Amino acid sequence: MGVTMAVNNTEYLKTIASIIEFRCENILKVRNMLAKDIEELHITKSQRSRDRVCNDIYSKIEYIETLLSKNIDDIMSVEIIEMDKLFKSKPDMSDLSLNMKSDDYSHYIQ
């Protein structure tokens, strides 16, 4: 995605949200273009022109699928980061070992 986690979480989430919003706006624009293509498809008489319009429609549908999958990927990455934060808030086994007496298990260390 190109955004580092060095920025604070609010800024990161704002960036992701603006990217998703931008993609959604593109989806709406392509949807309007699809509506025009469908109208043109109904009007067009020649098979060659109809094939061209159908190819355009297919390309636009693929583009919408790509934008949607990128949105889903971004949302899932944010969820994974949030889940990772939850698990990191729980004490780690190495943190638990710090509370042990210093001579516990020291005879195993070589």
N, C-alpha and C. Protein backbone atom coordinates (compact mmCIF):
# COMPACT_ATOMS: atom_id res chain seq x y z
N MET A 1 0.81 -1.18 0.00
CA MET A 1 0.00 0.00 0.00
C MET A 1 0.86 1.26 0.00
N GLY A 2 2.08 1.18 0.48
CA GLY A 2 2.94 2.33 0.43
C GLY A 2 2.85 3.22 1.65
N VAL A 3 1.97 2.93 2.60
CA VAL A 3 1.84 3.74 3.80
C VAL A 3 2.54 3.02 4.93
N THR A 4 3.48 3.68 5.59
CA THR A 4 4.19 3.04 6.68
C THR A 4 3.41 3.18 7.97
N MET A 5 3.67 2.28 8.88
CA MET A 5 2.98 2.31 10.16
C MET A 5 3.62 3.29 11.13
N ALA A 6 4.62 4.05 10.69
CA ALA A 6 5.26 5.02 11.56
C ALA A 6 4.30 6.16 11.90
N VAL A 7 3.41 6.50 10.97
CA VAL A 7 2.42 7.53 11.27
C VAL A 7 1.43 6.97 12.28
N ASN A 8 0.81 7.89 13.03
CA ASN A 8 -0.11 7.38 14.05
C ASN A 8 -1.33 6.72 13.42
N ASN A 9 -2.02 5.96 14.20
CA ASN A 9 -3.13 5.13 13.69
C ASN A 9 -4.25 5.95 13.07
N THR A 10 -4.55 7.10 13.64
CA THR A 10 -5.63 7.93 13.10
C THR A 10 -5.29 8.40 11.70
N GLU A 11 -4.06 8.85 11.52
CA GLU A 11 -3.63 9.30 10.19
C GLU A 11 -3.62 8.14 9.21
N TYR A 12 -3.19 6.98 9.67
CA TYR A 12 -3.17 5.79 8.82
C TYR A 12 -4.59 5.43 8.37
N LEU A 13 -5.52 5.43 9.32
CA LEU A 13 -6.91 5.10 8.99
C LEU A 13 -7.52 6.15 8.06
N LYS A 14 -7.18 7.42 8.27
CA LYS A 14 -7.67 8.47 7.37
C LYS A 14 -7.15 8.26 5.95
N THR A 15 -5.88 7.87 5.85
CA THR A 15 -5.30 7.63 4.54
C THR A 15 -5.99 6.48 3.84
N ILE A 16 -6.17 5.37 4.57
CA ILE A 16 -6.86 4.21 4.00
C ILE A 16 -8.28 4.58 3.59
N ALA A 17 -8.98 5.33 4.44
CA ALA A 17 -10.36 5.72 4.13
C ALA A 17 -10.41 6.60 2.89
N SER A 18 -9.46 7.51 2.75
CA SER A 18 -9.48 8.37 1.56
C SER A 18 -9.18 7.58 0.29
N ILE A 19 -8.29 6.59 0.39
CA ILE A 19 -8.01 5.73 -0.77
C ILE A 19 -9.26 4.94 -1.15
N ILE A 20 -9.92 4.38 -0.16
CA ILE A 20 -11.14 3.61 -0.42
C ILE A 20 -12.22 4.51 -1.01
N GLU A 21 -12.35 5.72 -0.48
CA GLU A 21 -13.33 6.67 -1.01
C GLU A 21 -13.02 7.03 -2.47
N PHE A 22 -11.74 7.22 -2.77
CA PHE A 22 -11.33 7.53 -4.15
C PHE A 22 -11.71 6.39 -5.08
N ARG A 23 -11.46 5.15 -4.64
CA ARG A 23 -11.82 3.99 -5.47
C ARG A 23 -13.32 3.90 -5.67
N CYS A 24 -14.09 4.17 -4.61
CA CYS A 24 -15.55 4.11 -4.72
C CYS A 24 -16.07 5.16 -5.70
N GLU A 25 -15.45 6.34 -5.68
CA GLU A 25 -15.83 7.38 -6.65
C GLU A 25 -15.53 6.91 -8.08
N ASN A 26 -14.39 6.25 -8.25
CA ASN A 26 -14.07 5.70 -9.58
C ASN A 26 -15.07 4.63 -10.00
N ILE A 27 -15.49 3.81 -9.06
CA ILE A 27 -16.49 2.78 -9.36
C ILE A 27 -17.78 3.43 -9.84
N LEU A 28 -18.20 4.51 -9.18
CA LEU A 28 -19.42 5.21 -9.60
C LEU A 28 -19.27 5.81 -10.99
N LYS A 29 -18.10 6.37 -11.30
CA LYS A 29 -17.86 6.92 -12.63
C LYS A 29 -17.92 5.82 -13.69
N VAL A 30 -17.29 4.70 -13.39
CA VAL A 30 -17.29 3.59 -14.35
C VAL A 30 -18.69 3.02 -14.51
N ARG A 31 -19.44 3.00 -13.43
CA ARG A 31 -20.83 2.53 -13.50
C ARG A 31 -21.65 3.40 -14.45
N ASN A 32 -21.45 4.71 -14.36
CA ASN A 32 -22.15 5.63 -15.29
C ASN A 32 -21.70 5.38 -16.72
N MET A 33 -20.42 5.13 -16.91
CA MET A 33 -19.91 4.83 -18.25
C MET A 33 -20.51 3.52 -18.77
N LEU A 34 -20.68 2.55 -17.87
CA LEU A 34 -21.30 1.28 -18.25
C LEU A 34 -22.74 1.49 -18.71
N ALA A 35 -23.46 2.36 -18.01
CA ALA A 35 -24.85 2.64 -18.40
C ALA A 35 -24.90 3.22 -19.81
N LYS A 36 -23.96 4.11 -20.13
CA LYS A 36 -23.90 4.68 -21.49
C LYS A 36 -23.55 3.60 -22.51
N ASP A 37 -22.61 2.71 -22.15
CA ASP A 37 -22.24 1.62 -23.06
C ASP A 37 -23.42 0.70 -23.33
N ILE A 38 -24.21 0.44 -22.32
CA ILE A 38 -25.37 -0.44 -22.49
C ILE A 38 -26.40 0.22 -23.41
N GLU A 39 -26.58 1.54 -23.23
CA GLU A 39 -27.49 2.26 -24.13
C GLU A 39 -26.98 2.18 -25.57
N GLU A 40 -25.67 2.38 -25.73
CA GLU A 40 -25.06 2.31 -27.06
C GLU A 40 -25.21 0.90 -27.65
N LEU A 41 -25.08 -0.10 -26.79
CA LEU A 41 -25.22 -1.49 -27.26
C LEU A 41 -26.62 -1.73 -27.81
N HIS A 42 -27.64 -1.17 -27.16
CA HIS A 42 -29.02 -1.33 -27.64
C HIS A 42 -29.25 -0.62 -28.96
N ILE A 43 -28.58 0.50 -29.16
CA ILE A 43 -28.77 1.30 -30.37
C ILE A 43 -28.00 0.73 -31.56
N THR A 44 -26.81 0.19 -31.30
CA THR A 44 -25.90 -0.25 -32.35
C THR A 44 -26.49 -1.42 -33.13
N LYS A 45 -26.35 -1.32 -34.45
CA LYS A 45 -26.89 -2.36 -35.33
C LYS A 45 -25.81 -3.33 -35.80
N SER A 46 -24.61 -2.83 -36.09
CA SER A 46 -23.59 -3.72 -36.66
C SER A 46 -22.97 -4.60 -35.58
N GLN A 47 -22.68 -5.83 -35.97
CA GLN A 47 -22.10 -6.80 -35.03
C GLN A 47 -20.70 -6.37 -34.59
N ARG A 48 -19.95 -5.77 -35.50
CA ARG A 48 -18.60 -5.33 -35.17
C ARG A 48 -18.62 -4.26 -34.07
N SER A 49 -19.53 -3.32 -34.18
CA SER A 49 -19.66 -2.27 -33.16
C SER A 49 -20.16 -2.85 -31.84
N ARG A 50 -21.07 -3.80 -31.94
CA ARG A 50 -21.59 -4.44 -30.72
C ARG A 50 -20.47 -5.20 -29.99
N ASP A 51 -19.61 -5.86 -30.76
CA ASP A 51 -18.48 -6.58 -30.16
C ASP A 51 -17.53 -5.61 -29.46
N ARG A 52 -17.29 -4.46 -30.10
CA ARG A 52 -16.42 -3.45 -29.49
C ARG A 52 -17.01 -2.94 -28.18
N VAL A 53 -18.29 -2.65 -28.19
CA VAL A 53 -18.97 -2.16 -26.99
C VAL A 53 -18.94 -3.24 -25.90
N CYS A 54 -19.17 -4.48 -26.29
CA CYS A 54 -19.14 -5.58 -25.31
C CYS A 54 -17.75 -5.72 -24.69
N ASN A 55 -16.71 -5.56 -25.50
CA ASN A 55 -15.35 -5.60 -24.96
C ASN A 55 -15.10 -4.45 -23.99
N ASP A 56 -15.63 -3.27 -24.33
CA ASP A 56 -15.50 -2.13 -23.42
C ASP A 56 -16.22 -2.41 -22.09
N ILE A 57 -17.39 -2.98 -22.19
CA ILE A 57 -18.16 -3.31 -20.99
C ILE A 57 -17.39 -4.32 -20.14
N TYR A 58 -16.86 -5.33 -20.78
CA TYR A 58 -16.10 -6.36 -20.06
C TYR A 58 -14.89 -5.75 -19.36
N SER A 59 -14.18 -4.86 -20.04
CA SER A 59 -13.00 -4.20 -19.44
C SER A 59 -13.39 -3.36 -18.24
N LYS A 60 -14.50 -2.67 -18.34
CA LYS A 60 -14.96 -1.83 -17.23
C LYS A 60 -15.39 -2.68 -16.03
N ILE A 61 -16.02 -3.80 -16.31
CA ILE A 61 -16.41 -4.70 -15.21
C ILE A 61 -15.17 -5.26 -14.51
N GLU A 62 -14.15 -5.62 -15.28
CA GLU A 62 -12.90 -6.09 -14.68
C GLU A 62 -12.25 -5.01 -13.82
N TYR A 63 -12.30 -3.77 -14.28
CA TYR A 63 -11.74 -2.65 -13.53
C TYR A 63 -12.48 -2.48 -12.21
N ILE A 64 -13.80 -2.56 -12.26
CA ILE A 64 -14.60 -2.46 -11.02
C ILE A 64 -14.23 -3.59 -10.07
N GLU A 65 -14.09 -4.80 -10.58
CA GLU A 65 -13.70 -5.94 -9.74
C GLU A 65 -12.34 -5.70 -9.08
N THR A 66 -11.41 -5.14 -9.83
CA THR A 66 -10.09 -4.84 -9.29
C THR A 66 -10.18 -3.82 -8.16
N LEU A 67 -10.94 -2.76 -8.38
CA LEU A 67 -11.09 -1.73 -7.35
C LEU A 67 -11.75 -2.30 -6.09
N LEU A 68 -12.76 -3.12 -6.28
CA LEU A 68 -13.43 -3.73 -5.13
C LEU A 68 -12.50 -4.66 -4.36
N SER A 69 -11.71 -5.45 -5.08
CA SER A 69 -10.79 -6.36 -4.38
C SER A 69 -9.70 -5.59 -3.64
N LYS A 70 -9.25 -4.46 -4.20
CA LYS A 70 -8.27 -3.64 -3.49
C LYS A 70 -8.88 -3.04 -2.22
N ASN A 71 -10.13 -2.60 -2.30
CA ASN A 71 -10.81 -2.10 -1.11
C ASN A 71 -10.91 -3.17 -0.04
N ILE A 72 -11.28 -4.37 -0.45
CA ILE A 72 -11.39 -5.48 0.50
C ILE A 72 -10.02 -5.79 1.11
N ASP A 73 -8.97 -5.79 0.30
CA ASP A 73 -7.62 -6.04 0.81
C ASP A 73 -7.22 -4.99 1.84
N ASP A 74 -7.52 -3.72 1.56
CA ASP A 74 -7.17 -2.66 2.49
C ASP A 74 -7.93 -2.80 3.81
N ILE A 75 -9.20 -3.11 3.71
CA ILE A 75 -10.02 -3.27 4.92
C ILE A 75 -9.51 -4.46 5.73
N MET A 76 -9.19 -5.55 5.06
CA MET A 76 -8.67 -6.72 5.77
C MET A 76 -7.33 -6.41 6.43
N SER A 77 -6.47 -5.63 5.78
CA SER A 77 -5.18 -5.31 6.38
C SER A 77 -5.36 -4.47 7.63
N VAL A 78 -6.32 -3.55 7.61
CA VAL A 78 -6.60 -2.75 8.81
C VAL A 78 -7.12 -3.64 9.92
N GLU A 79 -8.00 -4.59 9.59
CA GLU A 79 -8.51 -5.51 10.60
C GLU A 79 -7.40 -6.38 11.18
N ILE A 80 -6.48 -6.82 10.34
CA ILE A 80 -5.36 -7.63 10.82
C ILE A 80 -4.48 -6.81 11.76
N ILE A 81 -4.24 -5.56 11.40
CA ILE A 81 -3.44 -4.69 12.26
C ILE A 81 -4.13 -4.51 13.61
N GLU A 82 -5.44 -4.30 13.59
CA GLU A 82 -6.19 -4.14 14.84
C GLU A 82 -6.15 -5.42 15.68
N MET A 83 -6.29 -6.58 15.02
CA MET A 83 -6.23 -7.85 15.75
C MET A 83 -4.84 -8.05 16.35
N ASP A 84 -3.82 -7.66 15.59
CA ASP A 84 -2.46 -7.78 16.06
C ASP A 84 -2.24 -6.92 17.30
N LYS A 85 -2.84 -5.74 17.32
CA LYS A 85 -2.74 -4.86 18.49
C LYS A 85 -3.38 -5.51 19.70
N LEU A 86 -4.52 -6.16 19.50
CA LEU A 86 -5.20 -6.82 20.61
C LEU A 86 -4.34 -7.93 21.21
N PHE A 87 -3.70 -8.71 20.34
CA PHE A 87 -2.88 -9.79 20.82
C PHE A 87 -1.60 -9.28 21.47
N LYS A 88 -1.09 -8.16 21.00
CA LYS A 88 0.13 -7.60 21.59
C LYS A 88 -0.16 -6.97 22.94
N SER A 89 -1.41 -6.61 23.20
CA SER A 89 -1.74 -6.03 24.49
C SER A 89 -1.76 -7.08 25.59
N LYS A 90 -1.92 -8.35 25.20
CA LYS A 90 -1.84 -9.42 26.17
C LYS A 90 -0.37 -9.69 26.48
N PRO A 91 -0.05 -10.09 27.70
CA PRO A 91 1.35 -10.32 28.04
C PRO A 91 1.95 -11.46 27.22
N ASP A 92 3.13 -11.22 26.73
CA ASP A 92 3.86 -12.20 25.95
C ASP A 92 4.56 -13.16 26.91
N MET A 93 4.86 -14.36 26.44
CA MET A 93 5.54 -15.33 27.30
C MET A 93 6.88 -14.81 27.77
N SER A 94 7.57 -14.06 26.92
CA SER A 94 8.86 -13.51 27.34
C SER A 94 8.67 -12.47 28.43
N ASP A 95 7.54 -11.74 28.40
CA ASP A 95 7.25 -10.78 29.46
C ASP A 95 6.96 -11.49 30.77
N LEU A 96 6.30 -12.64 30.69
CA LEU A 96 6.02 -13.40 31.90
C LEU A 96 7.30 -13.93 32.53
N SER A 97 8.25 -14.28 31.69
CA SER A 97 9.50 -14.82 32.24
C SER A 97 10.31 -13.75 32.95
N LEU A 98 10.07 -12.49 32.66
CA LEU A 98 10.78 -11.42 33.34
C LEU A 98 10.37 -11.32 34.80
N ASN A 99 9.16 -11.76 35.12
CA ASN A 99 8.68 -11.70 36.49
C ASN A 99 9.16 -12.87 37.34
N MET A 100 9.85 -13.82 36.74
CA MET A 100 10.35 -14.97 37.48
C MET A 100 11.63 -14.60 38.23
N LYS A 101 11.95 -15.38 39.19
CA LYS A 101 13.20 -15.17 39.91
C LYS A 101 14.36 -15.35 38.95
N SER A 102 15.40 -14.61 39.18
CA SER A 102 16.52 -14.64 38.25
C SER A 102 17.23 -15.99 38.21
N ASP A 103 17.12 -16.77 39.28
CA ASP A 103 17.82 -18.05 39.27
C ASP A 103 16.93 -19.21 38.80
N ASP A 104 15.68 -18.97 38.47
CA ASP A 104 14.82 -20.02 37.94
C ASP A 104 15.35 -20.49 36.59
N TYR A 105 15.51 -21.79 36.42
CA TYR A 105 15.93 -22.42 35.17
C TYR A 105 17.32 -21.97 34.72
N SER A 106 18.05 -21.32 35.60
CA SER A 106 19.38 -20.83 35.19
C SER A 106 20.36 -21.98 34.96
N HIS A 107 20.10 -23.13 35.55
CA HIS A 107 21.00 -24.25 35.36
C HIS A 107 20.88 -24.83 33.96
N TYR A 108 19.83 -24.48 33.20
CA TYR A 108 19.69 -24.95 31.83
C TYR A 108 20.48 -24.09 30.85
N ILE A 109 20.83 -22.91 31.25
CA ILE A 109 21.56 -22.01 30.36
C ILE A 109 23.02 -22.40 30.33
N GLN A 110 23.58 -22.54 29.16
CA GLN A 110 24.99 -22.92 29.05
C GLN A 110 25.84 -21.77 28.61
